[in-house]
C-alpha atoms as a PDB file:
ATOM      1  CA  MET A   1     -51.027  46.457 101.518  1.00  0.00           C
ATOM      2  CA  PRO A   2     -54.514  46.786 100.098  1.00  0.00           C
ATOM      3  CA  ALA A   3     -56.947  44.025 100.836  1.00  0.00           C
ATOM      4  CA  ALA A   4     -58.148  41.804  98.038  1.00  0.00           C
ATOM      5  CA  PRO A   5     -61.862  41.546  97.202  1.00  0.00           C
ATOM      6  CA  GLU A   6     -61.821  38.026  98.640  1.00  0.00           C
ATOM      7  CA  ALA A   7     -60.928  39.384 102.066  1.00  0.00           C
ATOM      8  CA  HIS A   8     -63.926  41.701 101.939  1.00  0.00           C
ATOM      9  CA  VAL A   9     -66.200  38.881 100.791  1.00  0.00           C
ATOM     10  CA  TRP A  10     -65.029  36.713 103.679  1.00  0.00           C
ATOM     11  CA  ARG A  11     -65.826  39.428 106.250  1.00  0.00           C
ATOM     12  CA  HIS A  12     -69.148  40.486 104.733  1.00  0.00           C
ATOM     13  CA  PRO A  13     -72.029  39.527 107.065  1.00  0.00           C
ATOM     14  CA  ASP A  14     -74.297  38.499 104.163  1.00  0.00           C
ATOM     15  CA  THR A  15     -71.855  35.905 102.809  1.00  0.00           C
ATOM     16  CA  PRO A  16     -73.527  32.504 103.248  1.00  0.00           C
ATOM     17  CA  LEU A  17     -71.752  29.935 105.401  1.00  0.00           C
ATOM     18  CA  LEU A  18     -71.764  27.415 102.526  1.00  0.00           C
ATOM     19  CA  VAL A  19     -69.896  29.859 100.284  1.00  0.00           C
ATOM     20  CA  ARG A  20     -67.347  30.572 103.025  1.00  0.00           C
ATOM     21  CA  LEU A  21     -66.741  26.868 103.583  1.00  0.00           C
ATOM     22  CA  LEU A  22     -66.459  26.166  99.862  1.00  0.00           C
ATOM     23  CA  ALA A  23     -63.993  29.040  99.419  1.00  0.00           C
ATOM     24  CA  LEU A  24     -61.979  27.713 102.351  1.00  0.00           C
ATOM     25  CA  ALA A  25     -61.969  24.226 100.822  1.00  0.00           C
ATOM     26  CA  VAL A  26     -60.770  25.557  97.433  1.00  0.00           C
ATOM     27  CA  ALA A  27     -58.005  27.579  99.095  1.00  0.00           C
ATOM     28  CA  ALA A  28     -56.991  24.603 101.242  1.00  0.00           C
ATOM     29  CA  TYR A  29     -56.831  22.353  98.173  1.00  0.00           C
ATOM     30  CA  ALA A  30     -54.764  24.908  96.259  1.00  0.00           C
ATOM     31  CA  LEU A  31     -52.257  25.268  99.110  1.00  0.00           C
ATOM     32  CA  SER A  32     -52.241  21.641 100.243  1.00  0.00           C
ATOM     33  CA  PRO A  33     -49.326  19.396  99.342  1.00  0.00           C
ATOM     34  CA  ILE A  34     -51.816  16.525  99.021  1.00  0.00           C
ATOM     35  CA  ASP A  35     -53.534  16.293  95.612  1.00  0.00           C
ATOM     36  CA  LEU A  36     -56.099  13.985  94.064  1.00  0.00           C
ATOM     37  CA  ILE A  37     -53.486  13.132  91.440  1.00  0.00           C
ATOM     38  CA  PRO A  38     -49.856  13.439  92.621  1.00  0.00           C
ATOM     39  CA  ASP A  39     -47.816  16.122  90.850  1.00  0.00           C
ATOM     40  CA  PHE A  40     -45.022  13.723  89.861  1.00  0.00           C
ATOM     41  CA  ILE A  41     -47.333  12.056  87.315  1.00  0.00           C
ATOM     42  CA  PRO A  42     -46.596  13.817  84.003  1.00  0.00           C
ATOM     43  CA  VAL A  43     -49.291  16.203  82.749  1.00  0.00           C
ATOM     44  CA  LEU A  44     -52.124  14.771  84.871  1.00  0.00           C
ATOM     45  CA  GLY A  45     -50.419  15.812  88.099  1.00  0.00           C
ATOM     46  CA  TYR A  46     -50.800  19.490  87.314  1.00  0.00           C
ATOM     47  CA  LEU A  47     -53.954  19.156  85.262  1.00  0.00           C
ATOM     48  CA  ASP A  48     -56.072  18.527  88.350  1.00  0.00           C
ATOM     49  CA  ASP A  49     -54.752  21.748  89.914  1.00  0.00           C
ATOM     50  CA  LEU A  50     -55.440  23.662  86.713  1.00  0.00           C
ATOM     51  CA  LEU A  51     -59.028  22.421  86.621  1.00  0.00           C
ATOM     52  CA  ILE A  52     -60.227  22.029  90.214  1.00  0.00           C
ATOM     53  CA  VAL A  53     -59.075  25.396  91.579  1.00  0.00           C
ATOM     54  CA  PRO A  54     -60.536  27.623  88.792  1.00  0.00           C
ATOM     55  CA  ILE A  55     -63.774  25.618  88.700  1.00  0.00           C
ATOM     56  CA  GLY A  56     -64.042  25.941  92.489  1.00  0.00           C
ATOM     57  CA  LEU A  57     -63.529  29.694  92.275  1.00  0.00           C
ATOM     58  CA  VAL A  58     -66.177  30.018  89.565  1.00  0.00           C
ATOM     59  CA  ILE A  59     -68.636  28.052  91.713  1.00  0.00           C
ATOM     60  CA  VAL A  60     -67.881  30.278  94.717  1.00  0.00           C
ATOM     61  CA  LEU A  61     -68.450  33.417  92.632  1.00  0.00           C
ATOM     62  CA  ARG A  62     -71.713  32.058  91.217  1.00  0.00           C
ATOM     63  CA  LEU A  63     -73.042  31.156  94.681  1.00  0.00           C
ATOM     64  CA  LEU A  64     -72.126  34.548  96.100  1.00  0.00           C
ATOM     65  CA  PRO A  65     -74.990  37.054  96.350  1.00  0.00           C
ATOM     66  CA  PRO A  66     -74.485  39.838  93.770  1.00  0.00           C
ATOM     67  CA  HIS A  67     -74.720  42.643  96.333  1.00  0.00           C
ATOM     68  CA  VAL A  68     -71.931  41.058  98.404  1.00  0.00           C
ATOM     69  CA  LEU A  69     -69.646  40.813  95.381  1.00  0.00           C
ATOM     70  CA  ALA A  70     -70.411  44.391  94.285  1.00  0.00           C
ATOM     71  CA  SER A  71     -69.832  45.734  97.791  1.00  0.00           C
ATOM     72  CA  SER A  72     -66.572  43.818  98.133  1.00  0.00           C
ATOM     73  CA  ARG A  73     -65.290  45.039  94.786  1.00  0.00           C
ATOM     74  CA  ALA A  74     -66.097  48.630  95.765  1.00  0.00           C
ATOM     75  CA  GLN A  75     -64.249  48.202  99.084  1.00  0.00           C
ATOM     76  CA  ALA A  76     -61.238  46.709  97.299  1.00  0.00           C
ATOM     77  CA  ALA A  77     -61.185  49.571  94.770  1.00  0.00           C
ATOM     78  CA  ALA A  78     -61.283  52.086  97.632  1.00  0.00           C
ATOM     79  CA  ALA A  79     -58.423  50.260  99.348  1.00  0.00           C
ATOM     80  CA  LEU A  80     -56.324  50.565  96.175  1.00  0.00           C
ATOM     81  CA  LYS A  81     -56.684  54.353  96.271  1.00  0.00           C
ATOM     82  CA  ARG A  82     -55.073  54.611  99.707  1.00  0.00           C
ATOM     83  CA  PRO A  83     -51.488  55.876  99.758  1.00  0.00           C
ATOM     84  CA  ARG A  84     -48.720  53.315  99.788  1.00  0.00           C
ATOM     85  CA  SER A  85     -45.537  53.348 101.790  1.00  0.00           C
ATOM     86  CA  VAL A  86     -42.754  54.854  99.704  1.00  0.00           C
ATOM     87  CA  ILE A  87     -40.257  54.112 102.476  1.00  0.00           C
ATOM     88  CA  ALA A  88     -41.047  50.394 102.304  1.00  0.00           C
ATOM     89  CA  ALA A  89     -40.677  50.412  98.505  1.00  0.00           C
ATOM     90  CA  VAL A  90     -37.289  52.152  98.765  1.00  0.00           C
ATOM     91  CA  PHE A  91     -36.211  49.612 101.402  1.00  0.00           C
ATOM     92  CA  VAL A  92     -37.149  46.639  99.211  1.00  0.00           C
ATOM     93  CA  VAL A  93     -35.423  48.127  96.152  1.00  0.00           C
ATOM     94  CA  ALA A  94     -32.305  48.821  98.253  1.00  0.00           C
ATOM     95  CA  ILE A  95     -32.219  45.187  99.392  1.00  0.00           C
ATOM     96  CA  TRP A  96     -32.515  43.968  95.776  1.00  0.00           C
ATOM     97  CA  LEU A  97     -29.767  46.331  94.654  1.00  0.00           C
ATOM     98  CA  ALA A  98     -27.499  45.201  97.494  1.00  0.00           C
ATOM     99  CA  CYS A  99     -28.094  41.546  96.630  1.00  0.00           C
ATOM    100  CA  THR A 100     -27.455  42.216  92.942  1.00  0.00           C
ATOM    101  CA  GLY A 101     -24.270  44.113  93.798  1.00  0.00           C
ATOM    102  CA  ALA A 102     -23.064  41.297  96.047  1.00  0.00           C
ATOM    103  CA  PHE A 103     -23.781  38.762  93.302  1.00  0.00           C
ATOM    104  CA  VAL A 104     -21.908  40.802  90.686  1.00  0.00           C
ATOM    105  CA  TYR A 105     -18.994  41.234  93.106  1.00  0.00           C
ATOM    106  CA  TRP A 106     -18.980  37.461  93.729  1.00  0.00           C
ATOM    107  CA  LEU A 107     -18.980  36.780  89.965  1.00  0.00           C
ATOM    108  CA  ALA A 108     -16.151  39.269  89.384  1.00  0.00           C
ATOM    109  CA  ARG A 109     -13.986  37.626  92.059  1.00  0.00           C
ATOM    110  CA  ALA A 110     -14.590  34.108  90.766  1.00  0.00           C
END
């Protein structure tokens, strides 16, 4: 699986510690079950996620040195050109087809 540009940014030696910590905080907030406004509150519960995470990512990108971002994007583009595993793709498609077949068989018997 090709690495995302974020993975290259994280490993780049010129990435400032503040940017790394801020990116970690944004990712932790996005994945955390604890929110500033709980999700069960209509509209506002998801509105904080829709605002805080993108704004945090924009701040991280603005604080990132331009040469680090350019280098990371180039590394990610090179990673996309690498060959992918056809065997793994066939395996995943076979699993989906088997599950679909089992579901159709279950429906037909019911």
